[in-house]
Amino acid sequence: MKKLIFTSVLIGCIGFTSQAQFLMKSNTHILRSGDEHYFNITNNVDPGVKGPSVVWDFRDLETKSTLTSYMYSAFTTEKTAEIPEANTVLEEFGTRFFFKASDGIIEQYGTVTKNNTFTKYDKPFVKMVFPFNYGDSYAGDFSGTVYGKNNFEAQFTGNYLLEADAYGTIILPGNITYDNVFRIKTVKEQCYDKQNSCNCSSISYKWYSEDIRYPLLTIIQNQNSKGIKTIRTAYYSKAVNKTYSDLSTKLVAQNIEANIYPNPFMGEFMLDYTIAADTDVKIEIYDNSGRKVNSIQKLNLKAGYYTEIIRSDDVGNQLGMFHIRIIAGEEVVSKTVIRGE
């Protein structure tokens, strides 16, 4: 297993490549015993495009049921003796997933279903590595045995690929909007009993934000010789928009610092920004559907402080949310701005 770092090309909906997105770290995103995470399970949808500065609009998801994910210590559960490597259990739908969650990595060592089918990995499946950012990829292989009723036993091998394949803005039901999220795509292929080839794999897409430990949205697919089918879609049921005071806070990257006010705005808003090094600057404005409504290009700016006044005429007649991206060289900061009546 090894981590591979790729330089992204422009593939997807909108924008420029950037390494200014948040960095997923162990202390903020590793599995933690005692936590619960709440999902609304919805109609199934396509995960959308990959690439930089994507706007994923999932406002029309319809809730069908709910799900709570439970995280607790592996040392107080059944199978502890048989899976001594695990320290954390994640339970969903009565199925328990046994993980070793340590600094820098989450490894899956076993699974117990509600009908007591037991999967034991002798070489674990890596669920996540840290730190992780847009453009990062991690690949490896795994192996183990499945034990079932009537003395059923089958060995398996497989491989996997974790890839942070996109970043941007996600919009959830209720117009709940999160900027600066990135998506992790996991492809897992598993073969049984020395099969020469595998024609079935599972694909998951998970969207993460900087300030929430667990996914904002999860889409799971199956892939076989007949194609790809989405089998589950669920979003974080306690997702909320930040308060207006939060929305006016600064956006900070290494080469650019920006502040947008007032927020919400009516006739106009101010965009103040400071760049630490000489660079080109581009300001892009998108409405809530992801349509670009304006773009301002500033070439060869010297390091220093600048102000732009964005008037209502610059964004059209639409009320509601607008997504602002300030691109300084290869860095991007983004923000949601609300236009009131």
C-alpha atoms as a PDB file:
ATOM      1  CA  MET A   1       0.000   0.000   0.000  1.00  0.00           C
ATOM      2  CA  LYS A   2       1.195   3.474  -0.691  1.00  0.00           C
ATOM      3  CA  LYS A   3      -0.068   6.975  -0.948  1.00  0.00           C
ATOM      4  CA  LEU A   4       0.003   8.623  -4.349  1.00  0.00           C
ATOM      5  CA  ILE A   5      -0.282  12.376  -4.827  1.00  0.00           C
ATOM      6  CA  PHE A   6      -1.687  13.553  -8.154  1.00  0.00           C
ATOM      7  CA  THR A   7      -1.804  17.041  -9.638  1.00  0.00           C
ATOM      8  CA  SER A   8      -5.397  17.620 -10.694  1.00  0.00           C
ATOM      9  CA  VAL A   9      -6.436  18.846 -14.136  1.00  0.00           C
ATOM     10  CA  LEU A  10      -9.542  20.881 -14.898  1.00  0.00           C
ATOM     11  CA  ILE A  11     -12.305  18.271 -15.015  1.00  0.00           C
ATOM     12  CA  GLY A  12     -15.813  18.979 -13.869  1.00  0.00           C
ATOM     13  CA  CYS A  13     -18.243  21.796 -13.426  1.00  0.00           C
ATOM     14  CA  ILE A  14     -16.518  25.100 -12.777  1.00  0.00           C
ATOM     15  CA  GLY A  15     -13.402  26.790 -11.484  1.00  0.00           C
ATOM     16  CA  PHE A  16      -9.660  26.338 -11.172  1.00  0.00           C
ATOM     17  CA  THR A  17      -7.448  23.789  -9.482  1.00  0.00           C
ATOM     18  CA  SER A  18      -6.225  24.644  -5.994  1.00  0.00           C
ATOM     19  CA  GLN A  19      -4.446  23.232  -2.995  1.00  0.00           C
ATOM     20  CA  ALA A  20      -6.066  25.768  -0.631  1.00  0.00           C
ATOM     21  CA  GLN A  21      -8.835  23.443   0.510  1.00  0.00           C
ATOM     22  CA  PHE A  22      -8.945  22.234   4.091  1.00  0.00           C
ATOM     23  CA  LEU A  23      -6.726  19.340   5.116  1.00  0.00           C
ATOM     24  CA  MET A  24      -8.501  16.343   6.654  1.00  0.00           C
ATOM     25  CA  LYS A  25      -6.594  15.329   9.788  1.00  0.00           C
ATOM     26  CA  SER A  26      -6.792  12.553  12.375  1.00  0.00           C
ATOM     27  CA  ASN A  27      -7.747  14.837  15.244  1.00  0.00           C
ATOM     28  CA  THR A  28     -10.767  16.236  13.386  1.00  0.00           C
ATOM     29  CA  HIS A  29     -12.041  13.313  11.282  1.00  0.00           C
ATOM     30  CA  ILE A  30     -10.995   9.967  12.762  1.00  0.00           C
ATOM     31  CA  LEU A  31     -13.655   7.587  14.188  1.00  0.00           C
ATOM     32  CA  ARG A  32     -14.250   8.361  17.854  1.00  0.00           C
ATOM     33  CA  SER A  33     -15.845   6.035  20.417  1.00  0.00           C
ATOM     34  CA  GLY A  34     -18.989   7.471  21.991  1.00  0.00           C
ATOM     35  CA  ASP A  35     -20.057   9.453  18.915  1.00  0.00           C
ATOM     36  CA  GLU A  36     -23.347   9.189  17.065  1.00  0.00           C
ATOM     37  CA  HIS A  37     -24.005  10.496  13.561  1.00  0.00           C
ATOM     38  CA  TYR A  38     -27.487  11.004  12.148  1.00  0.00           C
ATOM     39  CA  PHE A  39     -28.599  10.483   8.552  1.00  0.00           C
ATOM     40  CA  ASN A  40     -31.734  10.922   6.489  1.00  0.00           C
ATOM     41  CA  ILE A  41     -31.963   8.119   3.929  1.00  0.00           C
ATOM     42  CA  THR A  42     -33.400   9.406   0.658  1.00  0.00           C
ATOM     43  CA  ASN A  43     -34.191   8.588  -2.933  1.00  0.00           C
ATOM     44  CA  ASN A  44     -31.098   7.493  -4.824  1.00  0.00           C
ATOM     45  CA  VAL A  45     -29.268  10.001  -7.016  1.00  0.00           C
ATOM     46  CA  ASP A  46     -26.182  10.249  -9.177  1.00  0.00           C
ATOM     47  CA  PRO A  47     -23.051  11.506  -7.373  1.00  0.00           C
ATOM     48  CA  GLY A  48     -22.353  14.158 -10.008  1.00  0.00           C
ATOM     49  CA  VAL A  49     -19.137  15.282 -11.617  1.00  0.00           C
ATOM     50  CA  LYS A  50     -15.608  15.265 -10.259  1.00  0.00           C
ATOM     51  CA  GLY A  51     -12.981  17.978 -10.373  1.00  0.00           C
ATOM     52  CA  PRO A  52     -12.327  21.399  -8.799  1.00  0.00           C
ATOM     53  CA  SER A  53     -14.907  24.014  -7.705  1.00  0.00           C
ATOM     54  CA  VAL A  54     -17.987  21.873  -8.311  1.00  0.00           C
ATOM     55  CA  VAL A  55     -21.427  22.939  -7.049  1.00  0.00           C
ATOM     56  CA  TRP A  56     -23.454  19.832  -6.108  1.00  0.00           C
ATOM     57  CA  ASP A  57     -27.144  20.640  -5.772  1.00  0.00           C
ATOM     58  CA  PHE A  58     -28.930  17.980  -3.708  1.00  0.00           C
ATOM     59  CA  ARG A  59     -31.804  20.167  -2.497  1.00  0.00           C
ATOM     60  CA  ASP A  60     -34.420  17.847  -3.983  1.00  0.00           C
ATOM     61  CA  LEU A  61     -33.498  14.763  -1.961  1.00  0.00           C
ATOM     62  CA  GLU A  62     -36.621  13.267  -0.340  1.00  0.00           C
ATOM     63  CA  THR A  63     -36.321  11.585   3.044  1.00  0.00           C
ATOM     64  CA  LYS A  64     -37.564   7.972   3.169  1.00  0.00           C
ATOM     65  CA  SER A  65     -36.255   6.913   6.591  1.00  0.00           C
ATOM     66  CA  THR A  66     -33.554   7.721   9.122  1.00  0.00           C
ATOM     67  CA  LEU A  67     -30.338   6.072  10.289  1.00  0.00           C
ATOM     68  CA  THR A  68     -28.092   6.550  13.302  1.00  0.00           C
ATOM     69  CA  SER A  69     -24.445   5.484  13.140  1.00  0.00           C
ATOM     70  CA  TYR A  70     -23.047   4.441  16.521  1.00  0.00           C
ATOM     71  CA  MET A  71     -19.346   4.436  17.381  1.00  0.00           C
ATOM     72  CA  TYR A  72     -18.164   2.590  20.500  1.00  0.00           C
ATOM     73  CA  SER A  73     -15.228   0.706  21.960  1.00  0.00           C
ATOM     74  CA  ALA A  74     -14.417  -2.688  20.446  1.00  0.00           C
ATOM     75  CA  PHE A  75     -13.177  -3.948  23.791  1.00  0.00           C
ATOM     76  CA  THR A  76     -16.695  -4.247  25.225  1.00  0.00           C
ATOM     77  CA  THR A  77     -18.313  -6.105  22.320  1.00  0.00           C
ATOM     78  CA  GLU A  78     -18.576  -9.649  21.031  1.00  0.00           C
ATOM     79  CA  LYS A  79     -15.778 -10.862  18.741  1.00  0.00           C
ATOM     80  CA  THR A  80     -13.227  -8.795  20.686  1.00  0.00           C
ATOM     81  CA  ALA A  81     -11.050 -11.879  21.199  1.00  0.00           C
ATOM     82  CA  GLU A  82     -11.316 -12.818  17.510  1.00  0.00           C
ATOM     83  CA  ILE A  83     -10.498  -9.296  16.269  1.00  0.00           C
ATOM     84  CA  PRO A  84      -7.847  -8.145  18.767  1.00  0.00           C
ATOM     85  CA  GLU A  85      -6.500  -5.456  16.424  1.00  0.00           C
ATOM     86  CA  ALA A  86      -9.754  -3.440  16.481  1.00  0.00           C
ATOM     87  CA  ASN A  87     -10.363  -0.650  18.981  1.00  0.00           C
ATOM     88  CA  THR A  88     -13.513   1.003  17.547  1.00  0.00           C
ATOM     89  CA  VAL A  89     -16.831  -0.362  16.277  1.00  0.00           C
ATOM     90  CA  LEU A  90     -19.169   1.444  13.889  1.00  0.00           C
ATOM     91  CA  GLU A  91     -22.700   0.010  13.895  1.00  0.00           C
ATOM     92  CA  GLU A  92     -25.344   0.645  11.222  1.00  0.00           C
ATOM     93  CA  PHE A  93     -28.514  -1.362  10.494  1.00  0.00           C
ATOM     94  CA  GLY A  94     -27.400  -3.936  13.055  1.00  0.00           C
ATOM     95  CA  THR A  95     -24.111  -4.609  11.249  1.00  0.00           C
ATOM     96  CA  ARG A  96     -20.927  -3.975  13.223  1.00  0.00           C
ATOM     97  CA  PHE A  97     -17.745  -2.851  11.474  1.00  0.00           C
ATOM     98  CA  PHE A  98     -14.554  -3.381  13.485  1.00  0.00           C
ATOM     99  CA  PHE A  99     -11.813  -0.779  12.946  1.00  0.00           C
ATOM    100  CA  LYS A 100      -8.393   0.041  14.256  1.00  0.00           C
ATOM    101  CA  ALA A 101      -8.466   3.840  14.395  1.00  0.00           C
ATOM    102  CA  SER A 102      -5.026   5.250  15.120  1.00  0.00           C
ATOM    103  CA  ASP A 103      -3.120   8.388  14.270  1.00  0.00           C
ATOM    104  CA  GLY A 104      -2.867   8.601  10.501  1.00  0.00           C
ATOM    105  CA  ILE A 105      -5.049   5.647   9.470  1.00  0.00           C
ATOM    106  CA  ILE A 106      -8.382   3.803   9.881  1.00  0.00           C
ATOM    107  CA  GLU A 107      -8.157   0.071   9.071  1.00  0.00           C
ATOM    108  CA  GLN A 108     -11.067  -2.371   8.913  1.00  0.00           C
ATOM    109  CA  TYR A 109     -10.324  -5.753  10.512  1.00  0.00           C
ATOM    110  CA  GLY A 110     -13.765  -7.344  10.613  1.00  0.00           C
ATOM    111  CA  THR A 111     -17.539  -7.215  10.100  1.00  0.00           C
ATOM    112  CA  VAL A 112     -20.394  -8.953  11.908  1.00  0.00           C
ATOM    113  CA  THR A 113     -23.858  -8.787  10.306  1.00  0.00           C
ATOM    114  CA  LYS A 114     -27.110  -9.009  12.244  1.00  0.00           C
ATOM    115  CA  ASN A 115     -27.492 -12.649  11.126  1.00  0.00           C
ATOM    116  CA  ASN A 116     -23.971 -13.320  12.526  1.00  0.00           C
ATOM    117  CA  THR A 117     -22.074 -13.692   9.270  1.00  0.00           C
ATOM    118  CA  PHE A 118     -18.523 -12.941  10.340  1.00  0.00           C
ATOM    119  CA  THR A 119     -15.808 -11.442   8.123  1.00  0.00           C
ATOM    120  CA  LYS A 120     -12.242 -11.486   9.428  1.00  0.00           C
ATOM    121  CA  TYR A 121      -9.468  -9.640   7.583  1.00  0.00           C
ATOM    122  CA  ASP A 122      -5.953 -11.018   7.902  1.00  0.00           C
ATOM    123  CA  LYS A 123      -4.769  -8.076   5.792  1.00  0.00           C
ATOM    124  CA  PRO A 124      -7.008  -5.093   6.576  1.00  0.00           C
ATOM    125  CA  PHE A 125      -8.964  -2.877   4.249  1.00  0.00           C
ATOM    126  CA  VAL A 126      -7.860   0.731   4.742  1.00  0.00           C
ATOM    127  CA  LYS A 127     -10.916   2.916   5.251  1.00  0.00           C
ATOM    128  CA  MET A 128      -9.074   6.257   5.469  1.00  0.00           C
ATOM    129  CA  VAL A 129      -5.613   7.778   5.799  1.00  0.00           C
ATOM    130  CA  PHE A 130      -4.596  11.148   7.225  1.00  0.00           C
ATOM    131  CA  PRO A 131      -3.766  13.821   6.316  1.00  0.00           C
ATOM    132  CA  PHE A 132      -5.847  13.817   3.127  1.00  0.00           C
ATOM    133  CA  ASN A 133      -6.723  16.576   0.686  1.00  0.00           C
ATOM    134  CA  TYR A 134      -8.121  17.132  -2.799  1.00  0.00           C
ATOM    135  CA  GLY A 135      -5.939  15.337  -5.355  1.00  0.00           C
ATOM    136  CA  ASP A 136      -4.649  12.725  -2.881  1.00  0.00           C
ATOM    137  CA  SER A 137      -5.028   9.004  -3.556  1.00  0.00           C
ATOM    138  CA  TYR A 138      -4.271   5.846  -1.578  1.00  0.00           C
ATOM    139  CA  ALA A 139      -4.349   2.321  -3.018  1.00  0.00           C
ATOM    140  CA  GLY A 140      -3.794  -1.153  -1.587  1.00  0.00           C
ATOM    141  CA  ASP A 141      -5.049  -4.716  -1.257  1.00  0.00           C
ATOM    142  CA  PHE A 142      -6.658  -6.839   1.436  1.00  0.00           C
ATOM    143  CA  SER A 143      -7.560 -10.454   2.200  1.00  0.00           C
ATOM    144  CA  GLY A 144      -9.522 -12.505   4.712  1.00  0.00           C
ATOM    145  CA  THR A 145     -12.192 -15.116   5.375  1.00  0.00           C
ATOM    146  CA  VAL A 146     -15.990 -15.079   5.620  1.00  0.00           C
ATOM    147  CA  TYR A 147     -17.665 -17.440   8.107  1.00  0.00           C
ATOM    148  CA  GLY A 148     -21.390 -18.200   7.878  1.00  0.00           C
ATOM    149  CA  LYS A 149     -24.074 -20.655   8.879  1.00  0.00           C
ATOM    150  CA  ASN A 150     -23.708 -24.416   8.419  1.00  0.00           C
ATOM    151  CA  ASN A 151     -19.918 -24.190   8.629  1.00  0.00           C
ATOM    152  CA  PHE A 152     -19.726 -21.992   5.541  1.00  0.00           C
ATOM    153  CA  GLU A 153     -16.225 -20.618   4.998  1.00  0.00           C
ATOM    154  CA  ALA A 154     -14.736 -18.721   2.036  1.00  0.00           C
ATOM    155  CA  GLN A 155     -11.436 -16.932   1.529  1.00  0.00           C
ATOM    156  CA  PHE A 156     -11.310 -13.653  -0.343  1.00  0.00           C
ATOM    157  CA  THR A 157      -8.817 -11.159  -1.698  1.00  0.00           C
ATOM    158  CA  GLY A 158      -9.342  -7.682  -3.023  1.00  0.00           C
ATOM    159  CA  ASN A 159      -8.023  -4.228  -3.758  1.00  0.00           C
ATOM    160  CA  TYR A 160      -9.153  -0.700  -3.136  1.00  0.00           C
ATOM    161  CA  LEU A 161      -8.557   2.903  -4.167  1.00  0.00           C
ATOM    162  CA  LEU A 162      -9.303   5.967  -2.045  1.00  0.00           C
ATOM    163  CA  GLU A 163      -9.352   9.187  -4.030  1.00  0.00           C
ATOM    164  CA  ALA A 164     -10.249  12.772  -3.131  1.00  0.00           C
ATOM    165  CA  ASP A 165     -11.629  13.396  -6.591  1.00  0.00           C
ATOM    166  CA  ALA A 166     -13.528  16.683  -6.209  1.00  0.00           C
ATOM    167  CA  TYR A 167     -14.071  19.770  -4.084  1.00  0.00           C
ATOM    168  CA  GLY A 168     -16.513  22.647  -4.039  1.00  0.00           C
ATOM    169  CA  THR A 169     -19.922  23.544  -2.580  1.00  0.00           C
ATOM    170  CA  ILE A 170     -22.683  21.141  -1.571  1.00  0.00           C
ATOM    171  CA  ILE A 171     -26.338  22.169  -1.179  1.00  0.00           C
ATOM    172  CA  LEU A 172     -28.559  19.892   0.914  1.00  0.00           C
ATOM    173  CA  PRO A 173     -32.362  19.932   1.431  1.00  0.00           C
ATOM    174  CA  GLY A 174     -33.571  23.135   3.046  1.00  0.00           C
ATOM    175  CA  ASN A 175     -30.937  25.115   1.118  1.00  0.00           C
ATOM    176  CA  ILE A 176     -28.310  24.022   3.647  1.00  0.00           C
ATOM    177  CA  THR A 177     -25.045  25.043   1.996  1.00  0.00           C
ATOM    178  CA  TYR A 178     -21.475  24.078   2.823  1.00  0.00           C
ATOM    179  CA  ASP A 179     -18.543  25.644   0.995  1.00  0.00           C
ATOM    180  CA  ASN A 180     -15.036  24.235   0.879  1.00  0.00           C
ATOM    181  CA  VAL A 181     -16.018  20.563   1.028  1.00  0.00           C
ATOM    182  CA  PHE A 182     -14.246  17.764  -0.735  1.00  0.00           C
ATOM    183  CA  ARG A 183     -15.428  14.368  -1.883  1.00  0.00           C
ATOM    184  CA  ILE A 184     -13.710  11.041  -1.279  1.00  0.00           C
ATOM    185  CA  LYS A 185     -14.419   8.258  -3.736  1.00  0.00           C
ATOM    186  CA  THR A 186     -13.659   4.691  -2.599  1.00  0.00           C
ATOM    187  CA  VAL A 187     -13.645   1.770  -5.028  1.00  0.00           C
ATOM    188  CA  LYS A 188     -13.439  -1.683  -3.419  1.00  0.00           C
ATOM    189  CA  GLU A 189     -13.204  -4.901  -5.465  1.00  0.00           C
ATOM    190  CA  GLN A 190     -13.402  -8.305  -3.777  1.00  0.00           C
ATOM    191  CA  CYS A 191     -12.917 -11.823  -5.188  1.00  0.00           C
ATOM    192  CA  TYR A 192     -13.563 -15.212  -3.550  1.00  0.00           C
ATOM    193  CA  ASP A 193     -11.652 -18.488  -3.575  1.00  0.00           C
ATOM    194  CA  LYS A 194      -8.909 -17.719  -6.041  1.00  0.00           C
ATOM    195  CA  GLN A 195     -11.140 -16.424  -8.817  1.00  0.00           C
ATOM    196  CA  ASN A 196      -9.057 -15.264 -11.763  1.00  0.00           C
ATOM    197  CA  SER A 197     -11.051 -12.109 -12.276  1.00  0.00           C
ATOM    198  CA  CYS A 198     -13.615  -9.936 -10.505  1.00  0.00           C
ATOM    199  CA  ASN A 199     -16.568  -8.334 -12.204  1.00  0.00           C
ATOM    200  CA  CYS A 200     -18.242  -6.746  -9.192  1.00  0.00           C
ATOM    201  CA  SER A 201     -17.161  -3.850  -6.994  1.00  0.00           C
ATOM    202  CA  SER A 202     -18.608  -1.336  -4.562  1.00  0.00           C
ATOM    203  CA  ILE A 203     -18.174   2.419  -4.972  1.00  0.00           C
ATOM    204  CA  SER A 204     -18.836   4.989  -2.272  1.00  0.00           C
ATOM    205  CA  TYR A 205     -18.804   8.775  -2.432  1.00  0.00           C
ATOM    206  CA  LYS A 206     -18.564  10.783   0.796  1.00  0.00           C
ATOM    207  CA  TRP A 207     -18.563  14.569   1.150  1.00  0.00           C
ATOM    208  CA  TYR A 208     -16.633  16.088   4.080  1.00  0.00           C
ATOM    209  CA  SER A 209     -16.427  19.553   5.588  1.00  0.00           C
ATOM    210  CA  GLU A 210     -13.746  20.980   7.844  1.00  0.00           C
ATOM    211  CA  ASP A 211     -15.893  21.367  10.962  1.00  0.00           C
ATOM    212  CA  ILE A 212     -17.957  18.120  10.914  1.00  0.00           C
ATOM    213  CA  ARG A 213     -16.193  14.865  11.750  1.00  0.00           C
ATOM    214  CA  TYR A 214     -18.400  12.526   9.704  1.00  0.00           C
ATOM    215  CA  PRO A 215     -19.831  12.757   6.143  1.00  0.00           C
ATOM    216  CA  LEU A 216     -22.336  15.375   5.049  1.00  0.00           C
ATOM    217  CA  LEU A 217     -23.562  13.063   2.290  1.00  0.00           C
ATOM    218  CA  THR A 218     -22.936   9.437   1.350  1.00  0.00           C
ATOM    219  CA  ILE A 219     -23.801   7.747  -1.953  1.00  0.00           C
ATOM    220  CA  ILE A 220     -23.102   4.016  -2.352  1.00  0.00           C
ATOM    221  CA  GLN A 221     -23.104   2.194  -5.685  1.00  0.00           C
ATOM    222  CA  ASN A 222     -22.645  -1.352  -6.961  1.00  0.00           C
ATOM    223  CA  GLN A 223     -20.817  -1.986 -10.227  1.00  0.00           C
ATOM    224  CA  ASN A 224     -20.996  -5.217 -12.252  1.00  0.00           C
ATOM    225  CA  SER A 225     -21.057  -6.364 -15.856  1.00  0.00           C
ATOM    226  CA  LYS A 226     -24.473  -4.719 -16.296  1.00  0.00           C
ATOM    227  CA  GLY A 227     -23.257  -1.310 -15.212  1.00  0.00           C
ATOM    228  CA  ILE A 228     -23.362   0.939 -12.119  1.00  0.00           C
ATOM    229  CA  LYS A 229     -26.383   1.262  -9.837  1.00  0.00           C
ATOM    230  CA  THR A 230     -26.851   3.548  -6.835  1.00  0.00           C
ATOM    231  CA  ILE A 231     -28.143   1.527  -3.888  1.00  0.00           C
ATOM    232  CA  ARG A 232     -28.122   4.057  -1.023  1.00  0.00           C
ATOM    233  CA  THR A 233     -28.148   7.824  -0.558  1.00  0.00           C
ATOM    234  CA  ALA A 234     -28.094   9.498   2.859  1.00  0.00           C
ATOM    235  CA  TYR A 235     -27.283  12.987   4.149  1.00  0.00           C
ATOM    236  CA  TYR A 236     -26.448  14.378   7.575  1.00  0.00           C
ATOM    237  CA  SER A 237     -29.797  15.195   9.157  1.00  0.00           C
ATOM    238  CA  LYS A 238     -28.449  17.835  11.568  1.00  0.00           C
ATOM    239  CA  ALA A 239     -26.724  19.919   8.907  1.00  0.00           C
ATOM    240  CA  VAL A 240     -27.472  23.624   9.348  1.00  0.00           C
ATOM    241  CA  ASN A 241     -26.435  26.832   7.674  1.00  0.00           C
ATOM    242  CA  LYS A 242     -23.960  28.951   9.591  1.00  0.00           C
ATOM    243  CA  THR A 243     -25.328  32.053  11.252  1.00  0.00           C
ATOM    244  CA  TYR A 244     -25.025  35.428   9.577  1.00  0.00           C
ATOM    245  CA  SER A 245     -22.254  36.368  11.983  1.00  0.00           C
ATOM    246  CA  ASP A 246     -20.384  33.232  10.934  1.00  0.00           C
ATOM    247  CA  LEU A 247     -20.921  34.086   7.287  1.00  0.00           C
ATOM    248  CA  SER A 248     -19.036  37.374   7.679  1.00  0.00           C
ATOM    249  CA  THR A 249     -15.916  35.772   9.126  1.00  0.00           C
ATOM    250  CA  LYS A 250     -12.677  35.815   7.221  1.00  0.00           C
ATOM    251  CA  LEU A 251     -11.569  33.293   4.659  1.00  0.00           C
ATOM    252  CA  VAL A 252      -7.883  32.509   5.032  1.00  0.00           C
ATOM    253  CA  ALA A 253      -5.427  30.666   2.796  1.00  0.00           C
ATOM    254  CA  GLN A 254      -1.665  30.957   2.654  1.00  0.00           C
ATOM    255  CA  ASN A 255      -1.527  33.671  -0.009  1.00  0.00           C
ATOM    256  CA  ILE A 256      -4.905  35.371   0.345  1.00  0.00           C
ATOM    257  CA  GLU A 257      -7.092  36.750   3.126  1.00  0.00           C
ATOM    258  CA  ALA A 258     -10.584  37.967   2.311  1.00  0.00           C
ATOM    259  CA  ASN A 259     -13.614  39.459   4.033  1.00  0.00           C
ATOM    260  CA  ILE A 260     -17.131  39.881   2.628  1.00  0.00           C
ATOM    261  CA  TYR A 261     -19.706  42.266   4.181  1.00  0.00           C
ATOM    262  CA  PRO A 262     -22.510  43.006   4.809  1.00  0.00           C
ATOM    263  CA  ASN A 263     -23.960  39.524   4.771  1.00  0.00           C
ATOM    264  CA  PRO A 264     -26.824  39.306   3.988  1.00  0.00           C
ATOM    265  CA  PHE A 265     -26.751  42.239   1.556  1.00  0.00           C
ATOM    266  CA  MET A 266     -29.339  44.201  -0.390  1.00  0.00           C
ATOM    267  CA  GLY A 267     -27.953  46.809  -2.773  1.00  0.00           C
ATOM    268  CA  GLU A 268     -24.280  45.871  -2.673  1.00  0.00           C
ATOM    269  CA  PHE A 269     -21.581  44.143  -0.677  1.00  0.00           C
ATOM    270  CA  MET A 270     -17.885  44.777  -0.192  1.00  0.00           C
ATOM    271  CA  LEU A 271     -15.148  42.276  -0.892  1.00  0.00           C
ATOM    272  CA  ASP A 272     -11.898  43.188   0.856  1.00  0.00           C
ATOM    273  CA  TYR A 273      -8.902  40.989   0.196  1.00  0.00           C
ATOM    274  CA  THR A 274      -5.186  40.971   0.846  1.00  0.00           C
ATOM    275  CA  ILE A 275      -2.648  38.996  -1.177  1.00  0.00           C
ATOM    276  CA  ALA A 276       0.725  38.123   0.272  1.00  0.00           C
ATOM    277  CA  ALA A 277       2.530  37.826  -3.074  1.00  0.00           C
ATOM    278  CA  ASP A 278       2.232  39.334  -6.558  1.00  0.00           C
ATOM    279  CA  THR A 279      -0.322  37.359  -8.564  1.00  0.00           C
ATOM    280  CA  ASP A 280      -3.347  37.447 -10.858  1.00  0.00           C
ATOM    281  CA  VAL A 281      -6.692  37.532  -9.052  1.00  0.00           C
ATOM    282  CA  LYS A 282     -10.030  36.351 -10.371  1.00  0.00           C
ATOM    283  CA  ILE A 283     -13.377  36.803  -8.612  1.00  0.00           C
ATOM    284  CA  GLU A 284     -16.172  34.482  -9.736  1.00  0.00           C
ATOM    285  CA  ILE A 285     -19.814  34.724  -8.665  1.00  0.00           C
ATOM    286  CA  TYR A 286     -22.281  31.823  -9.049  1.00  0.00           C
ATOM    287  CA  ASP A 287     -25.969  31.699  -8.274  1.00  0.00           C
ATOM    288  CA  ASN A 288     -27.461  28.880  -6.250  1.00  0.00           C
ATOM    289  CA  SER A 289     -27.954  26.695  -9.336  1.00  0.00           C
ATOM    290  CA  GLY A 290     -24.227  26.778 -10.073  1.00  0.00           C
ATOM    291  CA  ARG A 291     -24.561  29.215 -13.004  1.00  0.00           C
ATOM    292  CA  LYS A 292     -21.775  31.775 -13.257  1.00  0.00           C
ATOM    293  CA  VAL A 293     -23.321  35.260 -13.160  1.00  0.00           C
ATOM    294  CA  ASN A 294     -20.178  37.397 -13.143  1.00  0.00           C
ATOM    295  CA  SER A 295     -16.413  37.215 -13.314  1.00  0.00           C
ATOM    296  CA  ILE A 296     -13.859  39.909 -12.483  1.00  0.00           C
ATOM    297  CA  GLN A 297     -10.254  39.532 -13.633  1.00  0.00           C
ATOM    298  CA  LYS A 298      -7.368  41.426 -12.041  1.00  0.00           C
ATOM    299  CA  LEU A 299      -4.007  40.849 -13.723  1.00  0.00           C
ATOM    300  CA  ASN A 300      -0.541  41.275 -12.222  1.00  0.00           C
ATOM    301  CA  LEU A 301      -1.649  42.638  -8.861  1.00  0.00           C
ATOM    302  CA  LYS A 302       1.093  43.592  -6.453  1.00  0.00           C
ATOM    303  CA  ALA A 303       1.027  42.166  -2.939  1.00  0.00           C
ATOM    304  CA  GLY A 304      -1.260  44.312  -0.806  1.00  0.00           C
ATOM    305  CA  TYR A 305      -4.828  45.217   0.163  1.00  0.00           C
ATOM    306  CA  TYR A 306      -7.704  45.627  -2.348  1.00  0.00           C
ATOM    307  CA  THR A 307     -11.467  46.302  -2.270  1.00  0.00           C
ATOM    308  CA  GLU A 308     -14.191  45.401  -4.753  1.00  0.00           C
ATOM    309  CA  ILE A 309     -17.759  46.672  -4.585  1.00  0.00           C
ATOM    310  CA  ILE A 310     -20.230  44.064  -5.920  1.00  0.00           C
ATOM    311  CA  ARG A 311     -23.589  45.656  -6.747  1.00  0.00           C
ATOM    312  CA  SER A 312     -26.956  44.013  -7.286  1.00  0.00           C
ATOM    313  CA  ASP A 313     -26.708  44.676 -11.021  1.00  0.00           C
ATOM    314  CA  ASP A 314     -23.546  42.562 -11.059  1.00  0.00           C
ATOM    315  CA  VAL A 315     -25.392  39.442  -9.920  1.00  0.00           C
ATOM    316  CA  GLY A 316     -28.788  39.792 -11.623  1.00  0.00           C
ATOM    317  CA  ASN A 317     -32.274  39.834 -10.137  1.00  0.00           C
ATOM    318  CA  GLN A 318     -32.210  36.548  -8.234  1.00  0.00           C
ATOM    319  CA  LEU A 319     -32.638  36.575  -4.469  1.00  0.00           C
ATOM    320  CA  GLY A 320     -31.092  34.028  -2.144  1.00  0.00           C
ATOM    321  CA  MET A 321     -27.608  32.577  -2.033  1.00  0.00           C
ATOM    322  CA  PHE A 322     -24.595  33.362  -4.180  1.00  0.00           C
ATOM    323  CA  HIS A 323     -21.253  31.557  -4.085  1.00  0.00           C
ATOM    324  CA  ILE A 324     -18.173  33.755  -4.331  1.00  0.00           C
ATOM    325  CA  ARG A 325     -14.760  32.360  -5.255  1.00  0.00           C
ATOM    326  CA  ILE A 326     -11.611  34.459  -5.007  1.00  0.00           C
ATOM    327  CA  ILE A 327      -8.774  32.849  -6.962  1.00  0.00           C
ATOM    328  CA  ALA A 328      -5.255  34.150  -6.310  1.00  0.00           C
ATOM    329  CA  GLY A 329      -2.739  32.282  -8.420  1.00  0.00           C
ATOM    330  CA  GLU A 330      -3.328  28.631  -7.524  1.00  0.00           C
ATOM    331  CA  GLU A 331      -5.244  29.281  -4.310  1.00  0.00           C
ATOM    332  CA  VAL A 332      -9.016  29.555  -3.932  1.00  0.00           C
ATOM    333  CA  VAL A 333     -11.177  30.770  -1.071  1.00  0.00           C
ATOM    334  CA  SER A 334     -14.961  30.522  -1.311  1.00  0.00           C
ATOM    335  CA  LYS A 335     -17.952  31.970   0.513  1.00  0.00           C
ATOM    336  CA  THR A 336     -21.730  31.928   0.524  1.00  0.00           C
ATOM    337  CA  VAL A 337     -23.395  35.368   0.395  1.00  0.00           C
ATOM    338  CA  ILE A 338     -27.120  35.906   0.936  1.00  0.00           C
ATOM    339  CA  ARG A 339     -29.111  38.536  -0.921  1.00  0.00           C
ATOM    340  CA  GLY A 340     -32.192  39.667   0.943  1.00  0.00           C
ATOM    341  CA  GLU A 341     -35.256  41.598  -0.149  1.00  0.00           C
END
